């Protein structure tokens, strides 16, 4: 992840969350971002790539529908002013 990217992610920043079927919900970042712990190399497949994961807490404007209230559901996060959301 490039360093310049980190300065764009901050508390209060507006975001749009896109769910797997294309539905979206607007929200905002409620905490300063941090890195997730990485799995030690000896515990992963040697051919797998390691990626830094950025942990960000987001609060949605509206309640998230029940069908999306699944821990680990894959979503896309878009930032306001990037790609017009």
N, C-alpha and C. Protein backbone atom coordinates (compact mmCIF):
# COMPACT_ATOMS: atom_id res chain seq x y z
N UNK A 1 0.85 -1.16 0.00
CA UNK A 1 0.00 0.00 0.00
C UNK A 1 0.90 1.24 0.00
N UNK A 2 0.74 2.13 -0.95
CA UNK A 2 1.59 3.32 -0.99
C UNK A 2 1.34 4.24 0.20
N UNK A 3 2.41 4.91 0.65
CA UNK A 3 2.30 5.80 1.82
C UNK A 3 1.30 6.93 1.59
N UNK A 4 1.25 7.46 0.37
CA UNK A 4 0.34 8.58 0.10
C UNK A 4 -1.11 8.18 0.34
N UNK A 5 -1.42 6.91 0.17
CA UNK A 5 -2.79 6.42 0.35
C UNK A 5 -3.24 6.57 1.80
N UNK A 6 -2.34 6.34 2.74
CA UNK A 6 -2.69 6.38 4.16
C UNK A 6 -3.16 7.75 4.62
N UNK A 7 -2.63 8.81 4.05
CA UNK A 7 -3.04 10.14 4.50
C UNK A 7 -4.46 10.49 4.05
N UNK A 8 -5.00 9.73 3.11
CA UNK A 8 -6.36 9.97 2.64
C UNK A 8 -7.41 9.28 3.49
N UNK A 9 -6.97 8.37 4.36
CA UNK A 9 -7.90 7.60 5.19
C UNK A 9 -7.82 8.14 6.61
N UNK A 10 -8.88 8.79 7.06
CA UNK A 10 -8.87 9.39 8.39
C UNK A 10 -10.27 9.40 8.99
N UNK A 11 -10.33 9.59 10.28
CA UNK A 11 -11.60 9.64 11.02
C UNK A 11 -12.48 10.74 10.42
N UNK A 12 -13.75 10.40 10.18
CA UNK A 12 -14.70 11.36 9.63
C UNK A 12 -14.84 11.31 8.12
N UNK A 13 -13.94 10.63 7.44
CA UNK A 13 -13.98 10.56 5.97
C UNK A 13 -15.22 9.79 5.51
N UNK A 14 -15.92 10.34 4.52
CA UNK A 14 -17.11 9.68 3.98
C UNK A 14 -16.70 8.53 3.08
N UNK A 15 -17.48 7.45 3.14
CA UNK A 15 -17.22 6.28 2.30
C UNK A 15 -18.53 5.72 1.76
N UNK A 16 -18.41 4.89 0.77
CA UNK A 16 -19.53 4.12 0.25
C UNK A 16 -19.12 2.65 0.33
N UNK A 17 -19.98 1.82 0.90
CA UNK A 17 -19.71 0.39 1.04
C UNK A 17 -20.50 -0.33 -0.03
N UNK A 18 -19.81 -1.13 -0.85
CA UNK A 18 -20.49 -1.91 -1.90
C UNK A 18 -20.49 -3.37 -1.50
N UNK A 19 -21.68 -3.96 -1.42
CA UNK A 19 -21.85 -5.35 -1.03
C UNK A 19 -21.74 -6.26 -2.26
N UNK A 20 -21.59 -7.57 -2.05
CA UNK A 20 -21.36 -8.49 -3.17
C UNK A 20 -22.38 -8.41 -4.32
N UNK A 21 -23.63 -8.08 -4.03
CA UNK A 21 -24.63 -8.01 -5.11
C UNK A 21 -24.72 -6.63 -5.74
N UNK A 22 -23.88 -5.69 -5.31
CA UNK A 22 -23.87 -4.35 -5.89
C UNK A 22 -24.61 -3.31 -5.08
N UNK A 23 -25.38 -3.71 -4.07
CA UNK A 23 -26.05 -2.73 -3.21
C UNK A 23 -24.99 -1.90 -2.49
N UNK A 24 -25.32 -0.64 -2.20
CA UNK A 24 -24.38 0.23 -1.50
C UNK A 24 -25.03 0.89 -0.30
N UNK A 25 -24.21 1.24 0.65
CA UNK A 25 -24.61 2.01 1.83
C UNK A 25 -23.55 3.07 2.06
N UNK A 26 -23.98 4.27 2.43
CA UNK A 26 -23.03 5.34 2.74
C UNK A 26 -22.69 5.29 4.22
N UNK A 27 -21.49 5.73 4.54
CA UNK A 27 -21.06 5.75 5.93
C UNK A 27 -19.87 6.67 6.10
N UNK A 28 -19.23 6.58 7.26
CA UNK A 28 -18.04 7.39 7.53
C UNK A 28 -17.13 6.63 8.49
N UNK A 29 -15.85 6.95 8.42
CA UNK A 29 -14.84 6.30 9.26
C UNK A 29 -14.95 6.87 10.67
N UNK A 30 -15.02 5.98 11.68
CA UNK A 30 -15.22 6.43 13.06
C UNK A 30 -13.97 6.32 13.93
N UNK A 31 -12.89 5.78 13.39
CA UNK A 31 -11.66 5.67 14.18
C UNK A 31 -10.46 5.81 13.25
N UNK A 32 -9.33 6.14 13.84
CA UNK A 32 -8.11 6.22 13.04
C UNK A 32 -7.73 4.82 12.58
N UNK A 33 -7.27 4.68 11.33
CA UNK A 33 -6.93 3.35 10.81
C UNK A 33 -5.68 2.77 11.46
N UNK A 34 -5.58 1.45 11.43
CA UNK A 34 -4.40 0.75 11.93
C UNK A 34 -4.19 -0.51 11.12
N UNK A 35 -3.03 -1.10 11.25
CA UNK A 35 -2.73 -2.33 10.52
C UNK A 35 -3.19 -3.54 11.31
N UNK A 36 -3.70 -4.54 10.61
CA UNK A 36 -4.03 -5.82 11.23
C UNK A 36 -2.75 -6.61 11.39
N UNK A 37 -2.74 -7.52 12.35
CA UNK A 37 -1.58 -8.38 12.52
C UNK A 37 -1.47 -9.32 11.34
N UNK A 38 -0.25 -9.57 10.93
CA UNK A 38 -0.02 -10.48 9.82
C UNK A 38 0.27 -11.87 10.37
N UNK A 39 -0.17 -12.89 9.66
CA UNK A 39 0.10 -14.27 10.04
C UNK A 39 1.58 -14.56 9.84
N UNK A 40 2.25 -15.17 10.82
CA UNK A 40 3.67 -15.49 10.66
C UNK A 40 3.91 -16.36 9.42
N UNK A 41 5.04 -16.15 8.77
CA UNK A 41 5.37 -16.87 7.54
C UNK A 41 5.32 -18.38 7.71
N UNK A 42 5.69 -18.89 8.88
CA UNK A 42 5.72 -20.34 9.06
C UNK A 42 4.32 -20.94 9.18
N UNK A 43 3.29 -20.11 9.23
CA UNK A 43 1.92 -20.61 9.35
C UNK A 43 1.10 -20.45 8.08
N UNK A 44 1.75 -19.99 7.01
CA UNK A 44 1.01 -19.83 5.76
C UNK A 44 1.68 -20.61 4.64
N UNK A 45 0.97 -20.76 3.56
CA UNK A 45 1.48 -21.44 2.37
C UNK A 45 2.69 -20.65 1.85
N UNK A 46 3.81 -21.32 1.59
CA UNK A 46 5.00 -20.60 1.12
C UNK A 46 4.80 -19.92 -0.23
N UNK A 47 3.82 -20.35 -0.99
CA UNK A 47 3.56 -19.73 -2.30
C UNK A 47 2.57 -18.58 -2.21
N UNK A 48 1.96 -18.40 -1.05
CA UNK A 48 0.96 -17.34 -0.89
C UNK A 48 1.66 -15.99 -0.76
N UNK A 49 0.97 -14.95 -1.21
CA UNK A 49 1.51 -13.60 -1.04
C UNK A 49 1.02 -13.04 0.29
N UNK A 50 1.84 -12.21 0.89
CA UNK A 50 1.43 -11.56 2.14
C UNK A 50 1.03 -10.14 1.80
N UNK A 51 -0.11 -9.75 2.31
CA UNK A 51 -0.59 -8.40 2.06
C UNK A 51 -0.87 -7.72 3.39
N UNK A 52 -0.50 -6.45 3.47
CA UNK A 52 -0.87 -5.67 4.65
C UNK A 52 -2.37 -5.42 4.60
N UNK A 53 -3.00 -5.52 5.73
CA UNK A 53 -4.44 -5.24 5.83
C UNK A 53 -4.63 -4.01 6.70
N UNK A 54 -5.39 -3.09 6.23
CA UNK A 54 -5.70 -1.88 6.98
C UNK A 54 -7.05 -2.07 7.65
N UNK A 55 -7.09 -1.86 8.96
CA UNK A 55 -8.33 -2.01 9.72
C UNK A 55 -8.93 -0.63 9.95
N UNK A 56 -10.18 -0.47 9.51
CA UNK A 56 -10.88 0.80 9.65
C UNK A 56 -12.29 0.50 10.15
N UNK A 57 -12.75 1.24 11.15
CA UNK A 57 -14.11 1.08 11.66
C UNK A 57 -15.00 2.09 10.95
N UNK A 58 -16.09 1.58 10.37
CA UNK A 58 -17.00 2.43 9.61
C UNK A 58 -18.40 2.33 10.20
N UNK A 59 -19.07 3.47 10.33
CA UNK A 59 -20.47 3.50 10.76
C UNK A 59 -21.30 3.91 9.56
N UNK A 60 -22.33 3.14 9.28
CA UNK A 60 -23.20 3.47 8.15
C UNK A 60 -24.26 4.48 8.57
N UNK A 61 -24.73 5.24 7.60
CA UNK A 61 -25.79 6.22 7.84
C UNK A 61 -27.09 5.49 8.18
N UNK A 62 -27.40 4.46 7.41
CA UNK A 62 -28.59 3.63 7.63
C UNK A 62 -28.15 2.28 8.19
N UNK A 63 -29.08 1.58 8.82
CA UNK A 63 -28.78 0.25 9.34
C UNK A 63 -28.46 -0.69 8.18
N UNK A 64 -27.45 -1.53 8.36
CA UNK A 64 -27.08 -2.51 7.33
C UNK A 64 -28.15 -3.60 7.30
N UNK A 65 -28.68 -3.93 6.12
CA UNK A 65 -29.69 -4.99 6.03
C UNK A 65 -29.16 -6.31 6.59
N UNK A 66 -30.07 -7.10 7.18
CA UNK A 66 -29.68 -8.35 7.85
C UNK A 66 -28.88 -9.29 6.96
N UNK A 67 -29.22 -9.39 5.68
CA UNK A 67 -28.52 -10.34 4.81
C UNK A 67 -27.04 -9.99 4.64
N UNK A 68 -26.64 -8.77 5.00
CA UNK A 68 -25.23 -8.37 4.91
C UNK A 68 -24.54 -8.37 6.26
N UNK A 69 -25.23 -8.67 7.33
CA UNK A 69 -24.63 -8.65 8.67
C UNK A 69 -23.91 -9.97 8.93
N UNK A 70 -22.84 -10.19 8.16
CA UNK A 70 -22.04 -11.41 8.23
C UNK A 70 -20.59 -11.02 8.45
N UNK A 71 -19.98 -11.54 9.51
CA UNK A 71 -18.57 -11.24 9.77
C UNK A 71 -17.73 -11.77 8.61
N UNK A 72 -16.90 -10.92 8.05
CA UNK A 72 -15.99 -11.33 6.99
C UNK A 72 -16.58 -11.26 5.59
N UNK A 73 -17.80 -10.72 5.45
CA UNK A 73 -18.39 -10.62 4.11
C UNK A 73 -17.51 -9.70 3.26
N UNK A 74 -17.21 -10.10 2.03
CA UNK A 74 -16.34 -9.26 1.20
C UNK A 74 -17.09 -8.02 0.70
N UNK A 75 -16.54 -6.87 0.94
CA UNK A 75 -17.13 -5.61 0.48
C UNK A 75 -16.05 -4.77 -0.17
N UNK A 76 -16.48 -3.80 -0.97
CA UNK A 76 -15.57 -2.81 -1.53
C UNK A 76 -15.87 -1.50 -0.83
N UNK A 77 -14.82 -0.78 -0.47
CA UNK A 77 -14.98 0.53 0.16
C UNK A 77 -14.52 1.58 -0.84
N UNK A 78 -15.38 2.52 -1.11
CA UNK A 78 -15.03 3.61 -2.02
C UNK A 78 -15.05 4.91 -1.21
N UNK A 79 -14.09 5.77 -1.52
CA UNK A 79 -13.96 7.03 -0.81
C UNK A 79 -14.55 8.16 -1.63
N UNK A 80 -15.29 9.04 -0.97
CA UNK A 80 -15.89 10.18 -1.66
C UNK A 80 -14.80 10.94 -2.40
N UNK A 81 -15.09 11.34 -3.59
CA UNK A 81 -14.21 12.06 -4.51
C UNK A 81 -13.31 11.12 -5.30
N UNK A 82 -13.34 9.82 -5.03
CA UNK A 82 -12.63 8.85 -5.87
C UNK A 82 -13.67 8.20 -6.75
N UNK A 83 -13.53 8.29 -8.03
CA UNK A 83 -14.47 7.67 -8.98
C UNK A 83 -15.89 8.16 -8.73
N UNK A 84 -16.04 9.41 -8.27
CA UNK A 84 -17.35 9.97 -7.95
C UNK A 84 -18.09 9.10 -6.94
N UNK A 85 -17.34 8.57 -6.00
CA UNK A 85 -17.72 7.69 -4.90
C UNK A 85 -17.31 6.34 -5.31
